[in-house]
Amino acid sequence: MEKNRRNFFKLTGLAGLGLAGSSFMKGFGAVSDNYFRSDDHQAAGAFNMSGYGAPKLDTVRVGFIGLGNRGPTHLGHADKIENVEVTALCDLRPEKVEKAKGLIKSKSDNLKVYSGSEDAWKNLCQQKDIDLIYIATPWHLHAPMAIYAMKQGKHVAIEVPCAVTLEECWDLVKTSESTRKHCVILENCCYDFFELLTLNMARQGFFGEIIHAEGAYLHDLLKSNFSKQKYYHMWRLTQNLRNGNLYPTHGLGPVAQIMNINCGDKMEFLVSVSSKDFMKGPMANELAEKDDEFKPFANKKFGGNINTTIISTNKGRTIMLQHDVTSPNVYSRIHKVSGSKASALKYPLPAKISVGDDWATPEELQALEEKYTPPIVKKIGAMAKEVGGHGGMDFLMNWRLIDCLRHGIATDLNVYDAALWSAIAPLTEKSVAGGSNSVKIPDFTKGWWKTNEPVDVFLQKGGDTRIKV
């Protein structure tokens, strides 16, 4: 078994964690001069996945790859939704698969399990009785697994980020378009309640013209990233050797939807600045003196503690993103929306809305919530909060995805969102490495953003998928 694990990490570039100068690290954030993929621009027969509804599925048969941190949450939710059958589980570690089996109350006679081999996930992808595969593995495995799964005829739902290089982002787009299989980014923050409220308000014109937005991931994960138990072989610490905004989608996703990015507007360029690292390197050196497992991280150059990125859009709007997972800050995703008529700000809590110089009173805010709370929240919001998962947004996201597949309607988030939001990380690395020069942002829709219509997140048709009691 241990030999299989060593082979697995050799295959994925993590063997020995010989980080500096390794081919593994060179692949991260690599942005080649041809990253716009001009040869892929709307060739004859290209298919637009925006607004596409795949053939409906009466029962959605689901497989799960990665059962360490996020996978069990999605598995537990799938087991609570009617017309869902869990048919496959996979993790490199057999003990994780066995533990995950205990989360399934409605056992399937067709359940198959895969573990112990670096190729086990491929066997799951080849299994015939699977419609949708959840991928919740270390980041660098997301795109290769998703591409292979789509080529085996499966829809995929990928934990964030969906890719770590621009090449992978383009390959996700190309594969989704050619197979007509959904590639959905599991950006749960798009389904948080205040974010859905402000999206509905924006769609109904409450904010007027959207001028500017801000998002972030400010979360003190310093001890977690250095934990030998939290992330297998400390893969997330390895990622922090990159220098840019490594985790942009939590803050970006909700405001990108509000700005109708990929559906009426597009991102043009970004400028990114990183601070110096004042914390990760010293901690790695200190731990390496006491524990040999940390020696591969000693005297390495980590990315800066905080990254700030500014994005400009085709319509002249701006987005500010921040990333900091090391400083002792109170958790924040900022979520600021600034329009010509009104503004909103979620963090610091409580969330606030303004139509002038002062925030709305609690009574005024309650009235706005009663008017603009979207139907999806009214329908299953209470159940989502009861089931849980980051306050209910995880369950809301998973229920919505299953509902879309069951009714053959367009998913709220598609491959263009998955590629664009994930691409921000390597693009910020390119900007930082170039002295914070501006970097152009590829158009993964290849021009379709001009005619794509925003997807109605607020139920469309469908919406009758039931929850198991």
Protein backbone atom coordinates (compact mmCIF):
# COMPACT_ATOMS: atom_id res chain seq x y z
CA MET A 1 0.00 0.00 0.00
CA GLU A 2 2.75 2.46 0.94
CA LYS A 3 4.44 1.67 -2.37
CA ASN A 4 1.26 2.62 -4.21
CA ARG A 5 1.12 5.89 -2.33
CA ARG A 6 4.73 6.68 -3.22
CA ASN A 7 3.99 5.89 -6.86
CA PHE A 8 0.94 8.11 -6.77
CA PHE A 9 2.89 11.09 -5.54
CA LYS A 10 5.71 10.38 -7.95
CA LEU A 11 3.14 10.42 -10.74
CA THR A 12 1.68 13.74 -9.62
CA GLY A 13 5.02 15.41 -8.96
CA LEU A 14 4.83 15.45 -5.17
CA ALA A 15 7.32 12.65 -4.47
CA GLY A 16 9.79 13.69 -1.85
CA LEU A 17 8.47 17.24 -1.99
CA GLY A 18 11.68 18.32 -3.71
CA LEU A 19 10.10 21.63 -4.47
CA ALA A 20 12.63 24.17 -5.66
CA GLY A 21 13.23 23.80 -9.37
CA SER A 22 11.01 20.73 -9.68
CA SER A 23 8.96 20.19 -12.81
CA PHE A 24 5.93 20.08 -10.53
CA MET A 25 6.41 23.68 -9.43
CA LYS A 26 7.32 24.90 -12.91
CA GLY A 27 3.94 23.68 -14.10
CA PHE A 28 2.13 25.74 -11.51
CA GLY A 29 1.10 29.14 -12.71
CA ALA A 30 2.94 28.69 -15.98
CA VAL A 31 1.63 31.14 -18.57
CA SER A 32 3.10 30.59 -21.98
CA ASP A 33 3.25 33.31 -24.59
CA ASN A 34 0.46 31.62 -26.57
CA TYR A 35 -1.95 31.33 -23.66
CA PHE A 36 -4.72 33.00 -25.65
CA ARG A 37 -5.03 29.87 -27.77
CA SER A 38 -5.92 31.81 -30.92
CA ASP A 39 -6.10 28.52 -32.81
CA ASP A 40 -9.14 27.58 -30.70
CA HIS A 41 -11.23 30.66 -31.49
CA GLN A 42 -14.67 29.53 -32.65
CA ALA A 43 -13.59 26.92 -35.12
CA ALA A 44 -16.24 25.35 -37.31
CA GLY A 45 -18.48 23.16 -35.21
CA ALA A 46 -17.58 24.75 -31.86
CA PHE A 47 -20.42 24.43 -29.36
CA ASN A 48 -21.41 27.11 -26.86
CA MET A 49 -21.95 25.60 -23.40
CA SER A 50 -23.50 28.79 -22.02
CA GLY A 51 -27.24 28.26 -21.63
CA TYR A 52 -26.97 24.61 -22.64
CA GLY A 53 -29.23 22.08 -20.98
CA ALA A 54 -28.07 18.48 -21.34
CA PRO A 55 -30.64 15.70 -21.78
CA LYS A 56 -32.63 15.37 -18.57
CA LEU A 57 -31.89 12.59 -16.09
CA ASP A 58 -34.72 11.04 -14.09
CA THR A 59 -32.17 9.71 -11.62
CA VAL A 60 -28.73 11.25 -11.32
CA ARG A 61 -26.12 8.56 -10.69
CA VAL A 62 -23.13 10.05 -8.92
CA GLY A 63 -19.51 9.09 -8.26
CA PHE A 64 -17.06 10.81 -5.91
CA ILE A 65 -13.30 11.17 -6.30
CA GLY A 66 -11.54 12.49 -3.21
CA LEU A 67 -13.03 11.80 0.22
CA GLY A 68 -10.71 13.70 2.50
CA ASN A 69 -11.94 17.23 3.26
CA ARG A 70 -14.69 18.45 0.93
CA GLY A 71 -15.79 15.19 -0.67
CA PRO A 72 -17.70 13.81 2.35
CA THR A 73 -19.77 17.02 2.56
CA HIS A 74 -20.96 16.64 -1.03
CA LEU A 75 -21.54 12.92 -0.52
CA GLY A 76 -23.68 13.53 2.55
CA HIS A 77 -25.77 16.08 0.67
CA ALA A 78 -26.27 13.82 -2.35
CA ASP A 79 -27.63 11.15 -0.04
CA LYS A 80 -30.31 13.57 1.16
CA ILE A 81 -31.68 14.46 -2.28
CA GLU A 82 -34.33 12.38 -4.02
CA ASN A 83 -33.59 10.85 -7.42
CA VAL A 84 -29.88 10.63 -6.66
CA GLU A 85 -28.04 7.31 -6.53
CA VAL A 86 -24.46 7.13 -5.28
CA THR A 87 -22.82 4.45 -7.40
CA ALA A 88 -19.08 4.93 -6.85
CA LEU A 89 -16.56 6.16 -4.28
CA CYS A 90 -12.84 6.70 -4.75
CA ASP A 91 -9.91 7.83 -2.64
CA LEU A 92 -6.27 6.83 -2.68
CA ARG A 93 -6.62 5.88 0.98
CA PRO A 94 -8.88 2.84 1.62
CA GLU A 95 -9.75 4.07 5.11
CA LYS A 96 -11.29 7.23 3.65
CA VAL A 97 -13.50 5.19 1.35
CA GLU A 98 -14.66 2.97 4.20
CA LYS A 99 -15.49 5.98 6.35
CA ALA A 100 -17.38 7.61 3.49
CA LYS A 101 -19.51 4.51 2.99
CA GLY A 102 -20.92 5.14 6.45
CA LEU A 103 -22.36 8.47 5.27
CA ILE A 104 -24.67 6.75 2.79
CA LYS A 105 -27.97 5.78 4.37
CA SER A 106 -29.70 4.79 1.14
CA LYS A 107 -27.23 2.07 0.15
CA SER A 108 -27.13 1.13 -3.52
CA ASP A 109 -26.68 -2.45 -4.65
CA ASN A 110 -24.57 -1.02 -7.47
CA LEU A 111 -22.08 0.86 -5.26
CA LYS A 112 -18.47 0.27 -6.30
CA VAL A 113 -15.39 1.47 -4.46
CA TYR A 114 -11.91 2.27 -5.74
CA SER A 115 -8.71 2.93 -3.77
CA GLY A 116 -5.09 2.05 -3.20
CA SER A 117 -3.80 2.81 -6.70
CA GLU A 118 -2.79 5.96 -8.54
CA ASP A 119 -5.10 4.93 -11.40
CA ALA A 120 -8.12 4.03 -9.28
CA TRP A 121 -9.92 7.25 -10.21
CA LYS A 122 -9.69 6.35 -13.89
CA ASN A 123 -11.55 3.13 -13.22
CA LEU A 124 -14.32 5.11 -11.56
CA CYS A 125 -14.54 7.44 -14.58
CA GLN A 126 -14.93 4.42 -16.84
CA GLN A 127 -17.80 2.96 -14.81
CA LYS A 128 -20.93 2.92 -16.98
CA ASP A 129 -23.63 3.73 -14.42
CA ILE A 130 -22.38 7.23 -13.54
CA ASP A 131 -23.81 10.51 -14.85
CA LEU A 132 -22.00 13.02 -12.64
CA ILE A 133 -18.61 12.91 -10.94
CA TYR A 134 -17.65 15.13 -8.01
CA ILE A 135 -13.92 15.89 -7.88
CA ALA A 136 -12.56 17.00 -4.50
CA THR A 137 -8.87 16.12 -4.66
CA PRO A 138 -5.73 18.30 -4.35
CA TRP A 139 -5.87 21.24 -6.74
CA HIS A 140 -3.29 20.04 -9.26
CA LEU A 141 -5.39 16.91 -9.93
CA HIS A 142 -8.67 18.71 -10.64
CA ALA A 143 -8.26 19.47 -14.33
CA PRO A 144 -6.66 16.16 -15.41
CA MET A 145 -9.39 14.20 -13.65
CA ALA A 146 -12.20 16.37 -15.01
CA ILE A 147 -10.93 16.21 -18.58
CA TYR A 148 -10.61 12.43 -18.44
CA ALA A 149 -14.07 12.08 -16.87
CA MET A 150 -15.77 14.24 -19.53
CA LYS A 151 -14.10 12.18 -22.23
CA GLN A 152 -15.69 9.11 -20.60
CA GLY A 153 -19.11 10.73 -21.02
CA LYS A 154 -19.57 12.13 -17.51
CA HIS A 155 -20.65 15.55 -16.27
CA VAL A 156 -18.19 16.90 -13.70
CA ALA A 157 -18.48 19.11 -10.63
CA ILE A 158 -15.07 20.33 -9.50
CA GLU A 159 -13.98 21.84 -6.21
CA VAL A 160 -12.22 25.19 -6.45
CA PRO A 161 -10.01 26.05 -8.20
CA CYS A 162 -10.73 23.88 -11.24
CA ALA A 163 -7.26 24.26 -12.73
CA VAL A 164 -3.83 25.64 -11.83
CA THR A 165 -2.50 26.60 -15.28
CA LEU A 166 -3.90 28.50 -18.27
CA GLU A 167 -3.35 25.47 -20.47
CA GLU A 168 -5.56 23.40 -18.18
CA CYS A 169 -8.26 26.07 -18.27
CA TRP A 170 -8.34 25.98 -22.07
CA ASP A 171 -8.36 22.18 -22.07
CA LEU A 172 -11.39 22.17 -19.75
CA VAL A 173 -13.23 24.47 -22.17
CA LYS A 174 -12.27 22.48 -25.23
CA THR A 175 -13.28 19.17 -23.64
CA SER A 176 -16.61 20.41 -22.30
CA GLU A 177 -17.52 21.90 -25.67
CA SER A 178 -16.51 18.81 -27.65
CA THR A 179 -18.23 16.31 -25.33
CA ARG A 180 -21.19 18.57 -24.43
CA LYS A 181 -20.73 17.56 -20.82
CA HIS A 182 -21.19 20.08 -18.05
CA CYS A 183 -18.08 21.25 -16.22
CA VAL A 184 -19.40 22.98 -13.10
CA ILE A 185 -17.24 24.82 -10.61
CA LEU A 186 -18.37 24.08 -7.05
CA GLU A 187 -18.21 27.70 -5.94
CA ASN A 188 -20.42 27.52 -2.88
CA CYS A 189 -20.13 31.23 -2.09
CA CYS A 190 -22.33 31.96 -5.11
CA TYR A 191 -25.10 30.26 -3.11
CA ASP A 192 -24.65 32.07 0.17
CA PHE A 193 -27.81 33.90 1.13
CA PHE A 194 -26.67 37.52 1.05
CA GLU A 195 -24.81 36.91 -2.22
CA LEU A 196 -27.97 35.50 -3.80
CA LEU A 197 -29.95 38.44 -2.41
CA THR A 198 -27.59 41.01 -3.94
CA LEU A 199 -27.53 39.10 -7.23
CA ASN A 200 -31.32 39.26 -7.42
CA MET A 201 -31.23 42.96 -6.51
CA ALA A 202 -28.67 43.63 -9.23
CA ARG A 203 -30.69 41.72 -11.82
CA GLN A 204 -33.73 43.82 -10.93
CA GLY A 205 -31.80 47.10 -11.21
CA PHE A 206 -31.70 48.04 -7.53
CA PHE A 207 -28.02 49.06 -7.65
CA GLY A 208 -28.37 50.87 -10.99
CA GLU A 209 -25.26 50.50 -13.16
CA ILE A 210 -22.71 48.30 -11.44
CA ILE A 211 -19.49 50.33 -11.27
CA HIS A 212 -17.18 48.41 -8.96
CA ALA A 213 -17.10 45.27 -6.86
CA GLU A 214 -14.76 43.69 -4.33
CA GLY A 215 -14.21 40.15 -3.16
CA ALA A 216 -11.63 38.33 -1.08
CA TYR A 217 -10.48 35.25 0.72
CA LEU A 218 -9.08 36.45 4.04
CA HIS A 219 -8.84 33.39 6.26
CA ASP A 220 -6.14 32.56 8.79
CA LEU A 221 -5.04 29.09 7.67
CA LEU A 222 -1.40 29.33 8.67
CA LYS A 223 -1.52 26.45 11.17
CA SER A 224 -3.78 24.38 8.91
CA ASN A 225 -1.45 24.71 5.94
CA PHE A 226 1.45 23.49 8.09
CA SER A 227 -0.58 20.61 9.52
CA LYS A 228 0.53 17.11 8.55
CA GLN A 229 -3.00 15.82 9.15
CA LYS A 230 -5.19 18.45 7.47
CA TYR A 231 -3.86 18.19 3.91
CA TYR A 232 -2.40 14.89 2.70
CA HIS A 233 1.39 15.19 2.36
CA MET A 234 0.90 18.94 3.01
CA TRP A 235 -0.10 19.52 -0.61
CA ARG A 236 -1.70 22.88 0.16
CA LEU A 237 1.50 24.14 1.76
CA THR A 238 3.25 23.21 -1.48
CA GLN A 239 0.78 25.40 -3.36
CA ASN A 240 1.77 28.35 -1.18
CA LEU A 241 5.17 28.45 -2.82
CA ARG A 242 3.36 30.18 -5.68
CA ASN A 243 3.15 33.97 -5.56
CA GLY A 244 -0.21 35.45 -6.51
CA ASN A 245 -3.89 35.12 -5.64
CA LEU A 246 -4.02 31.34 -5.33
CA TYR A 247 -7.67 31.07 -4.29
CA PRO A 248 -9.66 33.79 -6.06
CA THR A 249 -13.02 32.17 -6.71
CA HIS A 250 -14.76 32.59 -3.34
CA GLY A 251 -14.63 36.37 -3.59
CA LEU A 252 -14.76 36.60 -7.36
CA GLY A 253 -17.59 34.23 -8.24
CA PRO A 254 -20.51 36.13 -6.70
CA VAL A 255 -19.43 39.55 -8.02
CA ALA A 256 -18.66 38.13 -11.48
CA GLN A 257 -22.25 36.91 -11.61
CA ILE A 258 -23.52 40.32 -10.52
CA MET A 259 -21.52 41.93 -13.35
CA ASN A 260 -22.75 39.33 -15.89
CA ILE A 261 -19.17 38.39 -16.76
CA ASN A 262 -19.16 36.00 -19.75
CA CYS A 263 -22.76 37.05 -20.44
CA GLY A 264 -22.67 40.69 -21.54
CA ASP A 265 -19.31 41.78 -20.16
CA LYS A 266 -15.84 40.29 -20.02
CA MET A 267 -12.62 40.79 -18.10
CA GLU A 268 -9.92 42.62 -20.07
CA PHE A 269 -6.78 42.82 -17.93
CA LEU A 270 -5.50 42.66 -14.37
CA VAL A 271 -2.72 44.11 -12.25
CA SER A 272 -1.55 42.15 -9.22
CA VAL A 273 0.71 43.05 -6.28
CA SER A 274 1.98 40.74 -3.53
CA SER A 275 3.51 41.67 -0.22
CA LYS A 276 6.68 40.03 1.02
CA ASP A 277 6.31 36.79 2.98
CA PHE A 278 6.81 37.60 6.64
CA MET A 279 5.35 34.38 8.12
CA LYS A 280 5.41 31.19 6.05
CA GLY A 281 9.15 30.99 5.45
CA PRO A 282 10.10 31.63 9.07
CA MET A 283 7.55 29.06 10.26
CA ALA A 284 8.85 26.45 7.80
CA ASN A 285 12.42 27.02 8.98
CA GLU A 286 11.40 26.79 12.63
CA LEU A 287 9.47 23.56 12.14
CA ALA A 288 12.24 22.03 10.03
CA GLU A 289 14.61 22.28 12.99
CA LYS A 290 12.28 20.06 15.02
CA ASP A 291 10.71 17.77 12.41
CA ASP A 292 12.42 16.22 9.38
CA GLU A 293 9.14 16.16 7.43
CA PHE A 294 9.33 19.93 7.15
CA LYS A 295 12.92 20.04 5.91
CA PRO A 296 11.90 20.10 2.22
CA PHE A 297 10.16 23.42 2.95
CA ALA A 298 13.09 25.02 4.76
CA ASN A 299 14.79 27.98 3.10
CA LYS A 300 12.21 28.08 0.32
CA LYS A 301 10.76 31.28 -1.07
CA PHE A 302 7.03 31.33 -0.33
CA GLY A 303 4.49 33.62 -1.94
CA GLY A 304 3.68 36.90 -0.20
CA ASN A 305 1.30 36.96 2.74
CA ILE A 306 -1.27 39.16 1.01
CA ASN A 307 -2.07 39.69 -2.64
CA THR A 308 -4.18 42.52 -4.04
CA THR A 309 -5.44 42.37 -7.62
CA ILE A 310 -7.39 44.87 -9.72
CA ILE A 311 -9.38 43.70 -12.76
CA SER A 312 -10.81 45.92 -15.49
CA THR A 313 -13.76 44.83 -17.63
CA ASN A 314 -14.79 45.61 -21.19
CA LYS A 315 -17.57 47.90 -19.94
CA GLY A 316 -15.16 49.90 -17.81
CA ARG A 317 -16.04 48.35 -14.47
CA THR A 318 -13.45 47.35 -11.88
CA ILE A 319 -13.06 44.46 -9.46
CA MET A 320 -10.68 44.32 -6.52
CA LEU A 321 -9.66 40.92 -5.14
CA GLN A 322 -7.56 40.09 -2.09
CA HIS A 323 -6.03 36.86 -0.84
CA ASP A 324 -4.48 36.31 2.58
CA VAL A 325 -4.42 32.93 4.35
CA THR A 326 -1.67 33.62 6.85
CA SER A 327 -2.32 36.87 8.74
CA PRO A 328 -4.42 36.88 11.94
CA ASN A 329 -7.38 38.59 10.28
CA VAL A 330 -11.06 38.05 11.01
CA TYR A 331 -12.55 35.92 8.22
CA SER A 332 -13.83 38.00 5.29
CA ARG A 333 -14.83 37.66 1.66
CA ILE A 334 -15.62 41.42 1.56
CA HIS A 335 -18.42 41.10 -1.05
CA LYS A 336 -18.82 44.76 -1.88
CA VAL A 337 -21.13 45.90 -4.68
CA SER A 338 -21.01 49.56 -5.72
CA GLY A 339 -23.58 50.86 -8.19
CA SER A 340 -24.86 54.18 -9.47
CA LYS A 341 -27.92 53.99 -7.19
CA ALA A 342 -26.97 51.84 -4.20
CA SER A 343 -24.26 49.71 -2.63
CA ALA A 344 -23.89 46.62 -0.47
CA LEU A 345 -21.18 45.28 1.84
CA LYS A 346 -21.22 41.94 3.61
CA TYR A 347 -18.05 41.97 5.72
CA PRO A 348 -17.45 42.86 8.47
CA LEU A 349 -20.73 41.33 9.54
CA PRO A 350 -23.59 42.10 9.71
CA ALA A 351 -24.25 42.57 5.99
CA LYS A 352 -25.32 46.06 4.98
CA ILE A 353 -27.08 47.89 2.12
CA SER A 354 -27.03 51.63 1.42
CA VAL A 355 -28.77 54.02 -0.93
CA GLY A 356 -26.90 57.04 0.38
CA ASP A 357 -24.40 58.06 3.02
CA ASP A 358 -25.86 55.81 5.72
CA TRP A 359 -26.54 52.11 5.90
CA ALA A 360 -30.16 50.98 5.84
CA THR A 361 -31.71 50.46 9.25
CA PRO A 362 -32.49 46.89 10.37
CA GLU A 363 -36.16 47.52 9.54
CA GLU A 364 -35.30 48.83 6.06
CA LEU A 365 -32.95 45.91 5.45
CA GLN A 366 -35.65 43.45 6.46
CA ALA A 367 -38.05 45.05 3.99
CA LEU A 368 -35.47 44.74 1.21
CA GLU A 369 -34.89 41.09 2.08
CA GLU A 370 -38.62 40.38 1.95
CA LYS A 371 -38.84 42.00 -1.48
CA TYR A 372 -35.69 40.61 -3.09
CA THR A 373 -35.09 37.19 -1.49
CA PRO A 374 -34.98 34.89 -4.54
CA PRO A 375 -37.39 31.98 -5.01
CA ILE A 376 -34.69 29.34 -4.59
CA VAL A 377 -33.97 30.60 -1.06
CA LYS A 378 -37.67 30.78 -0.22
CA LYS A 379 -38.12 27.23 -1.47
CA ILE A 380 -35.28 25.35 0.20
CA GLY A 381 -33.30 27.94 2.17
CA ALA A 382 -34.60 26.76 5.54
CA MET A 383 -33.89 23.12 4.67
CA ALA A 384 -30.40 24.06 3.47
CA LYS A 385 -29.63 25.75 6.77
CA GLU A 386 -30.91 22.71 8.64
CA VAL A 387 -28.80 20.28 6.61
CA GLY A 388 -25.78 22.58 6.91
CA GLY A 389 -22.52 22.95 5.07
CA HIS A 390 -21.09 26.46 5.54
CA GLY A 391 -24.40 27.70 6.86
CA GLY A 392 -26.45 25.99 4.14
CA MET A 393 -24.83 27.32 0.98
CA ASP A 394 -23.14 23.98 0.25
CA PHE A 395 -26.42 22.12 0.29
CA LEU A 396 -28.17 24.83 -1.75
CA MET A 397 -25.44 24.50 -4.39
CA ASN A 398 -25.65 20.71 -4.54
CA TRP A 399 -29.44 20.63 -4.61
CA ARG A 400 -29.48 23.18 -7.42
CA LEU A 401 -26.99 21.22 -9.54
CA ILE A 402 -29.00 18.02 -9.22
CA ASP A 403 -32.22 19.89 -10.04
CA CYS A 404 -30.69 21.32 -13.22
CA LEU A 405 -29.49 17.89 -14.38
CA ARG A 406 -32.80 16.24 -13.60
CA HIS A 407 -34.76 18.80 -15.62
CA GLY A 408 -32.32 19.23 -18.49
CA ILE A 409 -31.84 22.95 -17.90
CA ALA A 410 -28.68 25.04 -18.04
CA THR A 411 -26.49 24.88 -14.97
CA ASP A 412 -25.99 28.18 -13.15
CA LEU A 413 -22.21 27.94 -13.56
CA ASN A 414 -20.58 26.53 -16.67
CA VAL A 415 -17.14 25.72 -18.03
CA TYR A 416 -16.43 29.33 -19.01
CA ASP A 417 -16.90 30.40 -15.40
CA ALA A 418 -14.79 27.46 -14.20
CA ALA A 419 -11.96 28.37 -16.58
CA LEU A 420 -12.04 32.15 -16.13
CA TRP A 421 -12.32 32.23 -12.35
CA SER A 422 -9.59 29.61 -11.98
CA ALA A 423 -7.36 31.37 -14.51
CA ILE A 424 -7.06 34.41 -12.27
CA ALA A 425 -4.51 32.57 -10.09
CA PRO A 426 -1.85 31.92 -12.78
CA LEU A 427 -2.54 35.32 -14.33
CA THR A 428 -1.83 37.05 -11.02
CA GLU A 429 1.37 35.04 -10.75
CA LYS A 430 2.40 36.32 -14.17
CA SER A 431 1.64 39.90 -13.16
CA VAL A 432 3.52 39.68 -9.86
CA ALA A 433 6.51 38.01 -11.51
CA GLY A 434 6.61 40.79 -14.11
CA GLY A 435 6.84 43.60 -11.59
CA SER A 436 3.05 43.97 -11.31
CA ASN A 437 2.64 44.77 -14.98
CA SER A 438 -0.84 44.51 -16.45
CA VAL A 439 -1.74 41.11 -17.91
CA LYS A 440 -4.43 40.52 -20.50
CA ILE A 441 -7.15 38.05 -19.56
CA PRO A 442 -8.15 35.43 -22.14
CA ASP A 443 -11.75 35.27 -23.36
CA PHE A 444 -12.68 31.65 -22.77
CA THR A 445 -16.07 32.19 -24.46
CA LYS A 446 -14.20 33.11 -27.65
CA GLY A 447 -16.55 36.04 -28.36
CA TRP A 448 -19.80 34.46 -27.23
CA TRP A 449 -19.88 36.76 -24.17
CA LYS A 450 -21.41 39.40 -26.44
CA THR A 451 -24.59 37.37 -27.01
CA ASN A 452 -24.71 34.97 -24.05
CA GLU A 453 -27.66 35.58 -21.73
CA PRO A 454 -27.20 35.44 -17.95
CA VAL A 455 -28.57 32.21 -16.51
CA ASP A 456 -31.55 32.69 -14.20
CA VAL A 457 -30.23 31.26 -10.96
CA PHE A 458 -33.55 31.73 -9.28
CA LEU A 459 -35.07 28.38 -10.37
CA GLN A 460 -35.82 28.66 -14.10
CA LYS A 461 -38.16 25.74 -14.74
CA GLY A 462 -37.78 22.65 -12.64
CA GLY A 463 -37.40 23.22 -8.94
CA ASP A 464 -39.41 20.19 -7.82
CA THR A 465 -36.48 18.00 -6.74
CA ARG A 466 -37.39 16.70 -3.31
CA ILE A 467 -35.37 16.34 -0.14
CA LYS A 468 -35.35 13.05 1.71
CA VAL A 469 -36.87 13.30 5.18
